Amino acid sequence: MLTKPPHGSPCNGCGGCCADQRCPLGRLVFGPGGRCPALEMRFPAFTCGLVESPEKHAPHVVRTHGADRAAKAAAILIGAGLGCDALLEGEAPNAEWRAWAIGRVDRVASAEAAAIWCAR
């Protein structure tokens, strides 16, 4: 397993975040709990199965919206490309990165993505 990068650093695919706890999208799809069932190994790193293979983990969403739209919406909702947002116990938060990341969120795209995943 890769070593988790510091909070706010570029994601290296270590999977530590998803192995530790489920993100809000993971809780929506799978319910509360520990390790996310959508955590997938793509050697040499891990990836989110809700982005990479939504048809496997959320076929109801894919039937309604298509795999491409579901994957793009999942990527928006998990903050793909913004950096490591996982704060594991005892880790110091990067407040400067957090402010930057919050400023990068497209609220319209996020609302549209949430509508795709929250529709039942």
PDB file of N, CA and C in Angstrom:
ATOM      1  N   MET A   1       0.842  -1.178   0.000  1.00  0.00           N
ATOM      2  CA  MET A   1       0.000   0.000   0.000  1.00  0.00           C
ATOM      3  C   MET A   1       0.890   1.246   0.000  1.00  0.00           C
ATOM      4  N   LEU A   2       0.498   2.230  -0.792  1.00  0.00           N
ATOM      5  CA  LEU A   2       1.215   3.486  -0.847  1.00  0.00           C
ATOM      6  C   LEU A   2       1.001   4.267   0.443  1.00  0.00           C
ATOM      7  N   THR A   3       1.948   5.114   0.790  1.00  0.00           N
ATOM      8  CA  THR A   3       1.828   5.950   1.969  1.00  0.00           C
ATOM      9  C   THR A   3       0.906   7.125   1.666  1.00  0.00           C
ATOM     10  N   LYS A   4      -0.006   7.403   2.581  1.00  0.00           N
ATOM     11  CA  LYS A   4      -0.934   8.520   2.406  1.00  0.00           C
ATOM     12  C   LYS A   4      -0.150   9.831   2.369  1.00  0.00           C
ATOM     13  N   PRO A   5      -0.428  10.675   1.367  1.00  0.00           N
ATOM     14  CA  PRO A   5       0.244  11.976   1.304  1.00  0.00           C
ATOM     15  C   PRO A   5      -0.339  12.916   2.362  1.00  0.00           C
ATOM     16  N   PRO A   6       0.352  13.985   2.660  1.00  0.00           N
ATOM     17  CA  PRO A   6      -0.192  14.963   3.607  1.00  0.00           C
ATOM     18  C   PRO A   6      -1.488  15.586   3.092  1.00  0.00           C
ATOM     19  N   HIS A   7      -2.331  15.999   4.011  1.00  0.00           N
ATOM     20  CA  HIS A   7      -3.595  16.661   3.688  1.00  0.00           C
ATOM     21  C   HIS A   7      -3.328  17.828   2.739  1.00  0.00           C
ATOM     22  N   GLY A   8      -4.049  17.853   1.621  1.00  0.00           N
ATOM     23  CA  GLY A   8      -3.910  18.920   0.636  1.00  0.00           C
ATOM     24  C   GLY A   8      -2.907  18.636  -0.461  1.00  0.00           C
ATOM     25  N   SER A   9      -2.113  17.599  -0.315  1.00  0.00           N
ATOM     26  CA  SER A   9      -1.150  17.220  -1.361  1.00  0.00           C
ATOM     27  C   SER A   9      -1.882  16.497  -2.480  1.00  0.00           C
ATOM     28  N   PRO A  10      -1.279  16.410  -3.670  1.00  0.00           N
ATOM     29  CA  PRO A  10      -1.925  15.642  -4.741  1.00  0.00           C
ATOM     30  C   PRO A  10      -2.193  14.201  -4.311  1.00  0.00           C
ATOM     31  N   CYS A  11      -3.327  13.684  -4.720  1.00  0.00           N
ATOM     32  CA  CYS A  11      -3.692  12.299  -4.418  1.00  0.00           C
ATOM     33  C   CYS A  11      -2.710  11.367  -5.118  1.00  0.00           C
ATOM     34  N   ASN A  12      -2.260  10.343  -4.398  1.00  0.00           N
ATOM     35  CA  ASN A  12      -1.365   9.355  -5.008  1.00  0.00           C
ATOM     36  C   ASN A  12      -2.050   8.000  -5.160  1.00  0.00           C
ATOM     37  N   GLY A  13      -3.330   7.929  -4.835  1.00  0.00           N
ATOM     38  CA  GLY A  13      -4.067   6.683  -4.975  1.00  0.00           C
ATOM     39  C   GLY A  13      -3.781   5.677  -3.885  1.00  0.00           C
ATOM     40  N   CYS A  14      -3.370   6.139  -2.707  1.00  0.00           N
ATOM     41  CA  CYS A  14      -3.016   5.215  -1.621  1.00  0.00           C
ATOM     42  C   CYS A  14      -4.222   4.438  -1.109  1.00  0.00           C
ATOM     43  N   GLY A  15      -5.420   5.001  -1.217  1.00  0.00           N
ATOM     44  CA  GLY A  15      -6.630   4.334  -0.750  1.00  0.00           C
ATOM     45  C   GLY A  15      -6.871   4.469   0.738  1.00  0.00           C
ATOM     46  N   GLY A  16      -5.999   5.162   1.433  1.00  0.00           N
ATOM     47  CA  GLY A  16      -6.133   5.296   2.885  1.00  0.00           C
ATOM     48  C   GLY A  16      -7.434   5.939   3.307  1.00  0.00           C
ATOM     49  N   CYS A  17      -7.887   6.915   2.550  1.00  0.00           N
ATOM     50  CA  CYS A  17      -9.127   7.610   2.894  1.00  0.00           C
ATOM     51  C   CYS A  17     -10.312   6.642   2.850  1.00  0.00           C
ATOM     52  N   CYS A  18     -10.429   5.900   1.779  1.00  0.00           N
ATOM     53  CA  CYS A  18     -11.572   5.007   1.578  1.00  0.00           C
ATOM     54  C   CYS A  18     -11.476   3.740   2.420  1.00  0.00           C
ATOM     55  N   ALA A  19     -10.261   3.355   2.776  1.00  0.00           N
ATOM     56  CA  ALA A  19     -10.085   2.201   3.660  1.00  0.00           C
ATOM     57  C   ALA A  19     -10.445   2.568   5.092  1.00  0.00           C
ATOM     58  N   ASP A  20     -10.271   3.845   5.446  1.00  0.00           N
ATOM     59  CA  ASP A  20     -10.529   4.313   6.802  1.00  0.00           C
ATOM     60  C   ASP A  20     -12.008   4.584   7.043  1.00  0.00           C
ATOM     61  N   GLN A  21     -12.668   5.230   6.082  1.00  0.00           N
ATOM     62  CA  GLN A  21     -14.069   5.586   6.252  1.00  0.00           C
ATOM     63  C   GLN A  21     -14.690   5.908   4.896  1.00  0.00           C
ATOM     64  N   ARG A  22     -15.991   5.892   4.853  1.00  0.00           N
ATOM     65  CA  ARG A  22     -16.700   6.211   3.618  1.00  0.00           C
ATOM     66  C   ARG A  22     -16.913   7.713   3.501  1.00  0.00           C
ATOM     67  N   CYS A  23     -16.758   8.203   2.280  1.00  0.00           N
ATOM     68  CA  CYS A  23     -17.031   9.615   2.006  1.00  0.00           C
ATOM     69  C   CYS A  23     -18.557   9.806   1.986  1.00  0.00           C
ATOM     70  N   PRO A  24     -19.043  11.048   1.891  1.00  0.00           N
ATOM     71  CA  PRO A  24     -20.495  11.251   1.832  1.00  0.00           C
ATOM     72  C   PRO A  24     -21.171  10.476   0.694  1.00  0.00           C
ATOM     73  N   LEU A  25     -20.541  10.394  -0.476  1.00  0.00           N
ATOM     74  CA  LEU A  25     -21.139   9.627  -1.570  1.00  0.00           C
ATOM     75  C   LEU A  25     -21.157   8.137  -1.238  1.00  0.00           C
ATOM     76  N   GLY A  26     -20.076   7.641  -0.665  1.00  0.00           N
ATOM     77  CA  GLY A  26     -20.029   6.240  -0.253  1.00  0.00           C
ATOM     78  C   GLY A  26     -21.089   5.906   0.787  1.00  0.00           C
ATOM     79  N   ARG A  27     -21.333   6.819   1.717  1.00  0.00           N
ATOM     80  CA  ARG A  27     -22.381   6.601   2.728  1.00  0.00           C
ATOM     81  C   ARG A  27     -23.762   6.622   2.090  1.00  0.00           C
ATOM     82  N   LEU A  28     -23.948   7.491   1.099  1.00  0.00           N
ATOM     83  CA  LEU A  28     -25.233   7.547   0.405  1.00  0.00           C
ATOM     84  C   LEU A  28     -25.516   6.229  -0.318  1.00  0.00           C
ATOM     85  N   VAL A  29     -24.504   5.717  -1.012  1.00  0.00           N
ATOM     86  CA  VAL A  29     -24.686   4.508  -1.817  1.00  0.00           C
ATOM     87  C   VAL A  29     -24.703   3.242  -0.964  1.00  0.00           C
ATOM     88  N   PHE A  30     -23.801   3.144   0.007  1.00  0.00           N
ATOM     89  CA  PHE A  30     -23.611   1.900   0.754  1.00  0.00           C
ATOM     90  C   PHE A  30     -24.058   1.959   2.207  1.00  0.00           C
ATOM     91  N   GLY A  31     -24.419   3.132   2.694  1.00  0.00           N
ATOM     92  CA  GLY A  31     -24.781   3.281   4.095  1.00  0.00           C
ATOM     93  C   GLY A  31     -23.547   3.549   4.936  1.00  0.00           C
ATOM     94  N   PRO A  32     -23.767   3.784   6.231  1.00  0.00           N
ATOM     95  CA  PRO A  32     -22.630   4.077   7.104  1.00  0.00           C
ATOM     96  C   PRO A  32     -21.764   2.842   7.292  1.00  0.00           C
ATOM     97  N   GLY A  33     -20.555   3.072   7.715  1.00  0.00           N
ATOM     98  CA  GLY A  33     -19.664   1.945   7.967  1.00  0.00           C
ATOM     99  C   GLY A  33     -18.222   2.325   7.740  1.00  0.00           C
ATOM    100  N   GLY A  34     -17.372   1.360   7.784  1.00  0.00           N
ATOM    101  CA  GLY A  34     -15.939   1.571   7.643  1.00  0.00           C
ATOM    102  C   GLY A  34     -15.502   1.608   6.193  1.00  0.00           C
ATOM    103  N   ARG A  35     -14.638   0.678   5.835  1.00  0.00           N
ATOM    104  CA  ARG A  35     -14.046   0.618   4.499  1.00  0.00           C
ATOM    105  C   ARG A  35     -15.120   0.691   3.416  1.00  0.00           C
ATOM    106  N   CYS A  36     -14.858   1.486   2.385  1.00  0.00           N
ATOM    107  CA  CYS A  36     -15.814   1.640   1.303  1.00  0.00           C
ATOM    108  C   CYS A  36     -15.768   0.440   0.361  1.00  0.00           C
ATOM    109  N   PRO A  37     -16.927  -0.158   0.074  1.00  0.00           N
ATOM    110  CA  PRO A  37     -16.970  -1.283  -0.855  1.00  0.00           C
ATOM    111  C   PRO A  37     -16.563  -0.922  -2.283  1.00  0.00           C
ATOM    112  N   ALA A  38     -16.562   0.364  -2.622  1.00  0.00           N
ATOM    113  CA  ALA A  38     -16.191   0.784  -3.979  1.00  0.00           C
ATOM    114  C   ALA A  38     -14.692   1.011  -4.137  1.00  0.00           C
ATOM    115  N   LEU A  39     -13.910   0.815  -3.087  1.00  0.00           N
ATOM    116  CA  LEU A  39     -12.458   0.984  -3.186  1.00  0.00           C
ATOM    117  C   LEU A  39     -11.913  -0.130  -4.078  1.00  0.00           C
ATOM    118  N   GLU A  40     -11.311   0.252  -5.198  1.00  0.00           N
ATOM    119  CA  GLU A  40     -10.820  -0.718  -6.175  1.00  0.00           C
ATOM    120  C   GLU A  40      -9.328  -0.558  -6.403  1.00  0.00           C
ATOM    121  N   MET A  41      -8.648  -1.678  -6.561  1.00  0.00           N
ATOM    122  CA  MET A  41      -7.212  -1.664  -6.860  1.00  0.00           C
ATOM    123  C   MET A  41      -7.029  -1.546  -8.362  1.00  0.00           C
ATOM    124  N   ARG A  42      -6.244  -0.563  -8.757  1.00  0.00           N
ATOM    125  CA  ARG A  42      -5.808  -0.381 -10.146  1.00  0.00           C
ATOM    126  C   ARG A  42      -4.300  -0.257 -10.061  1.00  0.00           C
ATOM    127  N   PHE A  43      -3.646  -1.392  -9.992  1.00  0.00           N
ATOM    128  CA  PHE A  43      -2.224  -1.449  -9.707  1.00  0.00           C
ATOM    129  C   PHE A  43      -1.463  -0.345 -10.422  1.00  0.00           C
ATOM    130  N   PRO A  44      -0.641   0.399  -9.733  1.00  0.00           N
ATOM    131  CA  PRO A  44      -0.152   0.197  -8.370  1.00  0.00           C
ATOM    132  C   PRO A  44      -0.929   0.976  -7.318  1.00  0.00           C
ATOM    133  N   ALA A  45      -2.062   1.559  -7.688  1.00  0.00           N
ATOM    134  CA  ALA A  45      -2.786   2.416  -6.754  1.00  0.00           C
ATOM    135  C   ALA A  45      -4.245   1.969  -6.644  1.00  0.00           C
ATOM    136  N   PHE A  46      -4.969   2.653  -5.788  1.00  0.00           N
ATOM    137  CA  PHE A  46      -6.393   2.422  -5.618  1.00  0.00           C
ATOM    138  C   PHE A  46      -7.172   3.530  -6.316  1.00  0.00           C
ATOM    139  N   THR A  47      -8.441   3.261  -6.585  1.00  0.00           N
ATOM    140  CA  THR A  47      -9.306   4.243  -7.208  1.00  0.00           C
ATOM    141  C   THR A  47     -10.723   4.059  -6.684  1.00  0.00           C
ATOM    142  N   CYS A  48     -11.588   5.003  -7.009  1.00  0.00           N
ATOM    143  CA  CYS A  48     -12.982   4.938  -6.589  1.00  0.00           C
ATOM    144  C   CYS A  48     -13.802   4.208  -7.651  1.00  0.00           C
ATOM    145  N   GLY A  49     -14.414   3.121  -7.253  1.00  0.00           N
ATOM    146  CA  GLY A  49     -15.246   2.360  -8.170  1.00  0.00           C
ATOM    147  C   GLY A  49     -16.504   3.088  -8.605  1.00  0.00           C
ATOM    148  N   LEU A  50     -16.958   4.069  -7.819  1.00  0.00           N
ATOM    149  CA  LEU A  50     -18.127   4.845  -8.231  1.00  0.00           C
ATOM    150  C   LEU A  50     -17.787   5.747  -9.417  1.00  0.00           C
ATOM    151  N   VAL A  51     -16.507   6.053  -9.574  1.00  0.00           N
ATOM    152  CA  VAL A  51     -16.035   6.829 -10.720  1.00  0.00           C
ATOM    153  C   VAL A  51     -15.624   5.891 -11.848  1.00  0.00           C
ATOM    154  N   GLU A  52     -14.846   4.870 -11.531  1.00  0.00           N
ATOM    155  CA  GLU A  52     -14.265   3.982 -12.551  1.00  0.00           C
ATOM    156  C   GLU A  52     -15.230   2.936 -13.091  1.00  0.00           C
ATOM    157  N   SER A  53     -16.121   2.437 -12.269  1.00  0.00           N
ATOM    158  CA  SER A  53     -17.055   1.392 -12.717  1.00  0.00           C
ATOM    159  C   SER A  53     -18.390   1.514 -11.981  1.00  0.00           C
ATOM    160  N   PRO A  54     -19.106   2.618 -12.218  1.00  0.00           N
ATOM    161  CA  PRO A  54     -20.368   2.822 -11.503  1.00  0.00           C
ATOM    162  C   PRO A  54     -21.397   1.734 -11.787  1.00  0.00           C
ATOM    163  N   GLU A  55     -21.324   1.121 -12.954  1.00  0.00           N
ATOM    164  CA  GLU A  55     -22.286   0.054 -13.276  1.00  0.00           C
ATOM    165  C   GLU A  55     -22.156  -1.134 -12.328  1.00  0.00           C
ATOM    166  N   LYS A  56     -20.994  -1.343 -11.784  1.00  0.00           N
ATOM    167  CA  LYS A  56     -20.743  -2.439 -10.842  1.00  0.00           C
ATOM    168  C   LYS A  56     -21.304  -2.124  -9.455  1.00  0.00           C
ATOM    169  N   HIS A  57     -21.192  -0.880  -9.034  1.00  0.00           N
ATOM    170  CA  HIS A  57     -21.555  -0.507  -7.672  1.00  0.00           C
ATOM    171  C   HIS A  57     -22.910   0.180  -7.549  1.00  0.00           C
ATOM    172  N   ALA A  58     -23.397   0.771  -8.614  1.00  0.00           N
ATOM    173  CA  ALA A  58     -24.672   1.498  -8.568  1.00  0.00           C
ATOM    174  C   ALA A  58     -25.417   1.342  -9.892  1.00  0.00           C
ATOM    175  N   PRO A  59     -25.800   0.111 -10.232  1.00  0.00           N
ATOM    176  CA  PRO A  59     -26.458  -0.103 -11.525  1.00  0.00           C
ATOM    177  C   PRO A  59     -27.746   0.694 -11.689  1.00  0.00           C
ATOM    178  N   HIS A  60     -28.450   0.973 -10.586  1.00  0.00           N
ATOM    179  CA  HIS A  60     -29.680   1.765 -10.674  1.00  0.00           C
ATOM    180  C   HIS A  60     -29.399   3.192 -11.160  1.00  0.00           C
ATOM    181  N   VAL A  61     -28.286   3.765 -10.748  1.00  0.00           N
ATOM    182  CA  VAL A  61     -27.912   5.109 -11.195  1.00  0.00           C
ATOM    183  C   VAL A  61     -27.522   5.074 -12.670  1.00  0.00           C
ATOM    184  N   VAL A  62     -26.786   4.049 -13.057  1.00  0.00           N
ATOM    185  CA  VAL A  62     -26.341   3.915 -14.450  1.00  0.00           C
ATOM    186  C   VAL A  62     -27.527   3.678 -15.378  1.00  0.00           C
ATOM    187  N   ARG A  63     -28.497   2.870 -14.948  1.00  0.00           N
ATOM    188  CA  ARG A  63     -29.686   2.643 -15.782  1.00  0.00           C
ATOM    189  C   ARG A  63     -30.435   3.949 -16.042  1.00  0.00           C
ATOM    190  N   THR A  64     -30.475   4.807 -15.051  1.00  0.00           N
ATOM    191  CA  THR A  64     -31.223   6.056 -15.173  1.00  0.00           C
ATOM    192  C   THR A  64     -30.451   7.141 -15.914  1.00  0.00           C
ATOM    193  N   HIS A  65     -29.138   7.235 -15.645  1.00  0.00           N
ATOM    194  CA  HIS A  65     -28.365   8.378 -16.142  1.00  0.00           C
ATOM    195  C   HIS A  65     -27.224   8.012 -17.088  1.00  0.00           C
ATOM    196  N   GLY A  66     -26.906   6.747 -17.223  1.00  0.00           N
ATOM    197  CA  GLY A  66     -25.783   6.316 -18.049  1.00  0.00           C
ATOM    198  C   GLY A  66     -24.486   6.292 -17.255  1.00  0.00           C
ATOM    199  N   ALA A  67     -23.582   5.408 -17.653  1.00  0.00           N
ATOM    200  CA  ALA A  67     -22.321   5.222 -16.916  1.00  0.00           C
ATOM    201  C   ALA A  67     -21.448   6.464 -16.965  1.00  0.00           C
ATOM    202  N   ASP A  68     -21.380   7.123 -18.109  1.00  0.00           N
ATOM    203  CA  ASP A  68     -20.513   8.294 -18.234  1.00  0.00           C
ATOM    204  C   ASP A  68     -20.980   9.430 -17.328  1.00  0.00           C
ATOM    205  N   ARG A  69     -22.269   9.723 -17.338  1.00  0.00           N
ATOM    206  CA  ARG A  69     -22.799  10.796 -16.484  1.00  0.00           C
ATOM    207  C   ARG A  69     -22.647  10.443 -15.011  1.00  0.00           C
ATOM    208  N   ALA A  70     -22.903   9.183 -14.668  1.00  0.00           N
ATOM    209  CA  ALA A  70     -22.757   8.760 -13.271  1.00  0.00           C
ATOM    210  C   ALA A  70     -21.308   8.890 -12.817  1.00  0.00           C
ATOM    211  N   ALA A  71     -20.378   8.478 -13.668  1.00  0.00           N
ATOM    212  CA  ALA A  71     -18.950   8.548 -13.322  1.00  0.00           C
ATOM    213  C   ALA A  71     -18.495   9.992 -13.162  1.00  0.00           C
ATOM    214  N   LYS A  72     -18.894  10.852 -14.092  1.00  0.00           N
ATOM    215  CA  LYS A  72     -18.502  12.268 -14.001  1.00  0.00           C
ATOM    216  C   LYS A  72     -19.102  12.921 -12.760  1.00  0.00           C
ATOM    217  N   ALA A  73     -20.342  12.587 -12.461  1.00  0.00           N
ATOM    218  CA  ALA A  73     -20.990  13.142 -11.268  1.00  0.00           C
ATOM    219  C   ALA A  73     -20.294  12.651 -10.002  1.00  0.00           C
ATOM    220  N   ALA A  74     -19.932  11.382  -9.972  1.00  0.00           N
ATOM    221  CA  ALA A  74     -19.224  10.839  -8.804  1.00  0.00           C
ATOM    222  C   ALA A  74     -17.882  11.536  -8.623  1.00  0.00           C
ATOM    223  N   ALA A  75     -17.169  11.771  -9.713  1.00  0.00           N
ATOM    224  CA  ALA A  75     -15.869  12.447  -9.620  1.00  0.00           C
ATOM    225  C   ALA A  75     -16.018  13.848  -9.030  1.00  0.00           C
ATOM    226  N   ILE A  76     -17.067  14.547  -9.420  1.00  0.00           N
ATOM    227  CA  ILE A  76     -17.319  15.872  -8.859  1.00  0.00           C
ATOM    228  C   ILE A  76     -17.603  15.766  -7.369  1.00  0.00           C
ATOM    229  N   LEU A  77     -18.445  14.817  -6.997  1.00  0.00           N
ATOM    230  CA  LEU A  77     -18.861  14.695  -5.600  1.00  0.00           C
ATOM    231  C   LEU A  77     -17.745  14.241  -4.664  1.00  0.00           C
ATOM    232  N   ILE A  78     -16.779  13.480  -5.177  1.00  0.00           N
ATOM    233  CA  ILE A  78     -15.676  13.058  -4.307  1.00  0.00           C
ATOM    234  C   ILE A  78     -14.513  14.041  -4.347  1.00  0.00           C
ATOM    235  N   GLY A  79     -14.634  15.080  -5.170  1.00  0.00           N
ATOM    236  CA  GLY A  79     -13.564  16.083  -5.251  1.00  0.00           C
ATOM    237  C   GLY A  79     -12.335  15.584  -5.978  1.00  0.00           C
ATOM    238  N   ALA A  80     -12.543  14.724  -6.952  1.00  0.00           N
ATOM    239  CA  ALA A  80     -11.412  14.184  -7.723  1.00  0.00           C
ATOM    240  C   ALA A  80     -10.609  15.325  -8.343  1.00  0.00           C
ATOM    241  N   GLY A  81      -9.311  15.236  -8.217  1.00  0.00           N
ATOM    242  CA  GLY A  81      -8.424  16.217  -8.806  1.00  0.00           C
ATOM    243  C   GLY A  81      -8.094  17.402  -7.914  1.00  0.00           C
ATOM    244  N   LEU A  82      -8.735  17.496  -6.757  1.00  0.00           N
ATOM    245  CA  LEU A  82      -8.474  18.624  -5.869  1.00  0.00           C
ATOM    246  C   LEU A  82      -7.332  18.354  -4.887  1.00  0.00           C
ATOM    247  N   GLY A  83      -7.019  17.102  -4.657  1.00  0.00           N
ATOM    248  CA  GLY A  83      -5.959  16.767  -3.709  1.00  0.00           C
ATOM    249  C   GLY A  83      -6.485  15.900  -2.585  1.00  0.00           C
ATOM    250  N   CYS A  84      -5.592  15.494  -1.726  1.00  0.00           N
ATOM    251  CA  CYS A  84      -5.933  14.611  -0.610  1.00  0.00           C
ATOM    252  C   CYS A  84      -6.727  15.376   0.438  1.00  0.00           C
ATOM    253  N   ASP A  85      -8.001  15.004   0.597  1.00  0.00           N
ATOM    254  CA  ASP A  85      -8.830  15.673   1.596  1.00  0.00           C
ATOM    255  C   ASP A  85      -9.028  14.823   2.838  1.00  0.00           C
ATOM    256  N   ALA A  86      -8.386  13.677   2.883  1.00  0.00           N
ATOM    257  CA  ALA A  86      -8.519  12.789   4.037  1.00  0.00           C
ATOM    258  C   ALA A  86      -7.665  13.288   5.192  1.00  0.00           C
ATOM    259  N   LEU A  87      -8.297  13.384   6.332  1.00  0.00           N
ATOM    260  CA  LEU A  87      -7.584  13.728   7.561  1.00  0.00           C
ATOM    261  C   LEU A  87      -7.683  12.522   8.479  1.00  0.00           C
ATOM    262  N   LEU A  88      -6.611  11.783   8.561  1.00  0.00           N
ATOM    263  CA  LEU A  88      -6.612  10.639   9.446  1.00  0.00           C
ATOM    264  C   LEU A  88      -6.279  11.095  10.860  1.00  0.00           C
ATOM    265  N   GLU A  89      -6.621  10.294  11.823  1.00  0.00           N
ATOM    266  CA  GLU A  89      -6.445  10.668  13.228  1.00  0.00           C
ATOM    267  C   GLU A  89      -5.030  11.173  13.509  1.00  0.00           C
ATOM    268  N   GLY A  90      -4.963  12.346  14.112  1.00  0.00           N
ATOM    269  CA  GLY A  90      -3.686  12.928  14.487  1.00  0.00           C
ATOM    270  C   GLY A  90      -3.006  13.745  13.402  1.00  0.00           C
ATOM    271  N   GLU A  91      -3.565  13.758  12.209  1.00  0.00           N
ATOM    272  CA  GLU A  91      -2.940  14.495  11.112  1.00  0.00           C
ATOM    273  C   GLU A  91      -3.324  15.977  11.170  1.00  0.00           C
ATOM    274  N   ALA A  92      -2.359  16.831  10.918  1.00  0.00           N
ATOM    275  CA  ALA A  92      -2.604  18.273  10.914  1.00  0.00           C
ATOM    276  C   ALA A  92      -3.321  18.683   9.633  1.00  0.00           C
ATOM    277  N   PRO A  93      -4.396  19.452   9.744  1.00  0.00           N
ATOM    278  CA  PRO A  93      -5.086  19.920   8.543  1.00  0.00           C
ATOM    279  C   PRO A  93      -4.302  21.022   7.836  1.00  0.00           C
ATOM    280  N   ASN A  94      -4.498  21.099   6.531  1.00  0.00           N
ATOM    281  CA  ASN A  94      -3.878  22.134   5.715  1.00  0.00           C
ATOM    282  C   ASN A  94      -4.974  23.167   5.411  1.00  0.00           C
ATOM    283  N   ALA A  95      -5.080  24.194   6.251  1.00  0.00           N
ATOM    284  CA  ALA A  95      -6.149  25.186   6.137  1.00  0.00           C
ATOM    285  C   ALA A  95      -6.054  25.982   4.833  1.00  0.00           C
ATOM    286  N   GLU A  96      -4.844  26.286   4.400  1.00  0.00           N
ATOM    287  CA  GLU A  96      -4.667  27.047   3.154  1.00  0.00           C
ATOM    288  C   GLU A  96      -5.190  26.240   1.968  1.00  0.00           C
ATOM    289  N   TRP A  97      -4.868  24.954   1.906  1.00  0.00           N
ATOM    290  CA  TRP A  97      -5.368  24.110   0.816  1.00  0.00           C
ATOM    291  C   TRP A  97      -6.890  24.005   0.893  1.00  0.00           C
ATOM    292  N   ARG A  98      -7.425  23.823   2.106  1.00  0.00           N
ATOM    293  CA  ARG A  98      -8.870  23.668   2.269  1.00  0.00           C
ATOM    294  C   ARG A  98      -9.606  24.895   1.712  1.00  0.00           C
ATOM    295  N   ALA A  99      -9.119  26.082   2.025  1.00  0.00           N
ATOM    296  CA  ALA A  99      -9.736  27.307   1.515  1.00  0.00           C
ATOM    297  C   ALA A  99      -9.653  27.344  -0.015  1.00  0.00           C
ATOM    298  N   TRP A 100      -8.503  26.953  -0.561  1.00  0.00           N
ATOM    299  CA  TRP A 100      -8.347  26.907  -2.016  1.00  0.00           C
ATOM    300  C   TRP A 100      -9.327  25.918  -2.633  1.00  0.00           C
ATOM    301  N   ALA A 101      -9.418  24.708  -2.059  1.00  0.00           N
ATOM    302  CA  ALA A 101     -10.278  23.657  -2.606  1.00  0.00           C
ATOM    303  C   ALA A 101     -11.749  24.072  -2.556  1.00  0.00           C
ATOM    304  N   ILE A 102     -12.168  24.688  -1.463  1.00  0.00           N
ATOM    305  CA  ILE A 102     -13.557  25.138  -1.348  1.00  0.00           C
ATOM    306  C   ILE A 102     -13.859  26.181  -2.424  1.00  0.00           C
ATOM    307  N   GLY A 103     -12.911  27.036  -2.701  1.00  0.00           N
ATOM    308  CA  GLY A 103     -13.091  28.050  -3.734  1.00  0.00           C
ATOM    309  C   GLY A 103     -13.167  27.476  -5.141  1.00  0.00           C
ATOM    310  N   ARG A 104     -12.665  26.267  -5.341  1.00  0.00           N
ATOM    311  CA  ARG A 104     -12.659  25.629  -6.663  1.00  0.00           C
ATOM    312  C   ARG A 104     -13.949  24.865  -6.944  1.00  0.00           C
ATOM    313  N   VAL A 105     -14.799  24.693  -5.951  1.00  0.00           N
ATOM    314  CA  VAL A 105     -16.022  23.913  -6.125  1.00  0.00           C
ATOM    315  C   VAL A 105     -17.009  24.681  -7.002  1.00  0.00           C
ATOM    316  N   ASP A 106     -17.468  24.033  -8.047  1.00  0.00           N
ATOM    317  CA  ASP A 106     -18.493  24.590  -8.925  1.00  0.00           C
ATOM    318  C   ASP A 106     -19.844  24.169  -8.336  1.00  0.00           C
ATOM    319  N   ARG A 107     -20.520  25.110  -7.715  1.00  0.00           N
ATOM    320  CA  ARG A 107     -21.754  24.790  -6.984  1.00  0.00           C
ATOM    321  C   ARG A 107     -22.872  24.279  -7.906  1.00  0.00           C
ATOM    322  N   VAL A 108     -22.936  24.798  -9.112  1.00  0.00           N
ATOM    323  CA  VAL A 108     -23.959  24.332 -10.054  1.00  0.00           C
ATOM    324  C   VAL A 108     -23.670  22.889 -10.456  1.00  0.00           C
ATOM    325  N   ALA A 109     -22.417  22.603 -10.834  1.00  0.00           N
ATOM    326  CA  ALA A 109     -22.049  21.233 -11.211  1.00  0.00           C
ATOM    327  C   ALA A 109     -22.232  20.279 -10.036  1.00  0.00           C
ATOM    328  N   SER A 110     -21.920  20.730  -8.836  1.00  0.00           N
ATOM    329  CA  SER A 110     -22.093  19.884  -7.652  1.00  0.00           C
ATOM    330  C   SER A 110     -23.563  19.568  -7.413  1.00  0.00           C
ATOM    331  N   ALA A 111     -24.433  20.556  -7.582  1.00  0.00           N
ATOM    332  CA  ALA A 111     -25.867  20.329  -7.405  1.00  0.00           C
ATOM    333  C   ALA A 111     -26.400  19.366  -8.462  1.00  0.00           C
ATOM    334  N   GLU A 112     -25.944  19.527  -9.701  1.00  0.00           N
ATOM    335  CA  GLU A 112     -26.368  18.622 -10.766  1.00  0.00           C
ATOM    336  C   GLU A 112     -25.869  17.198 -10.493  1.00  0.00           C
ATOM    337  N   ALA A 113     -24.636  17.068 -10.024  1.00  0.00           N
ATOM    338  CA  ALA A 113     -24.064  15.758  -9.701  1.00  0.00           C
ATOM    339  C   ALA A 113     -24.837  15.110  -8.551  1.00  0.00           C
ATOM    340  N   ALA A 114     -25.169  15.902  -7.544  1.00  0.00           N
ATOM    341  CA  ALA A 114     -25.924  15.372  -6.411  1.00  0.00           C
ATOM    342  C   ALA A 114     -27.304  14.898  -6.861  1.00  0.00           C
ATOM    343  N   ALA A 115     -27.929  15.611  -7.785  1.00  0.00           N
ATOM    344  CA  ALA A 115     -29.233  15.198  -8.275  1.00  0.00           C
ATOM    345  C   ALA A 115     -29.175  13.844  -8.965  1.00  0.00           C
ATOM    346  N   ILE A 116     -28.074  13.583  -9.658  1.00  0.00           N
ATOM    347  CA  ILE A 116     -27.908  12.280 -10.327  1.00  0.00           C
ATOM    348  C   ILE A 116     -27.813  11.163  -9.293  1.00  0.00           C
ATOM    349  N   TRP A 117     -27.014  11.362  -8.270  1.00  0.00           N
ATOM    350  CA  TRP A 117     -26.781  10.302  -7.279  1.00  0.00           C
ATOM    351  C   TRP A 117     -27.850  10.208  -6.215  1.00  0.00           C
ATOM    352  N   CYS A 118     -28.586  11.283  -5.976  1.00  0.00           N
ATOM    353  CA  CYS A 118     -29.602  11.261  -4.908  1.00  0.00           C
ATOM    354  C   CYS A 118     -30.971  10.836  -5.391  1.00  0.00           C
ATOM    355  N   ALA A 119     -31.190  10.821  -6.699  1.00  0.00           N
ATOM    356  CA  ALA A 119     -32.496  10.414  -7.238  1.00  0.00           C
ATOM    357  C   ALA A 119     -32.718   8.935  -6.952  1.00  0.00           C
ATOM    358  N   ARG A 120     -33.879   8.604  -6.538  1.00  0.00           N
ATOM    359  CA  ARG A 120     -34.208   7.193  -6.243  1.00  0.00           C
ATOM    360  C   ARG A 120     -35.296   6.689  -7.133  1.00  0.00           C
TER     361      ARG A 120
END
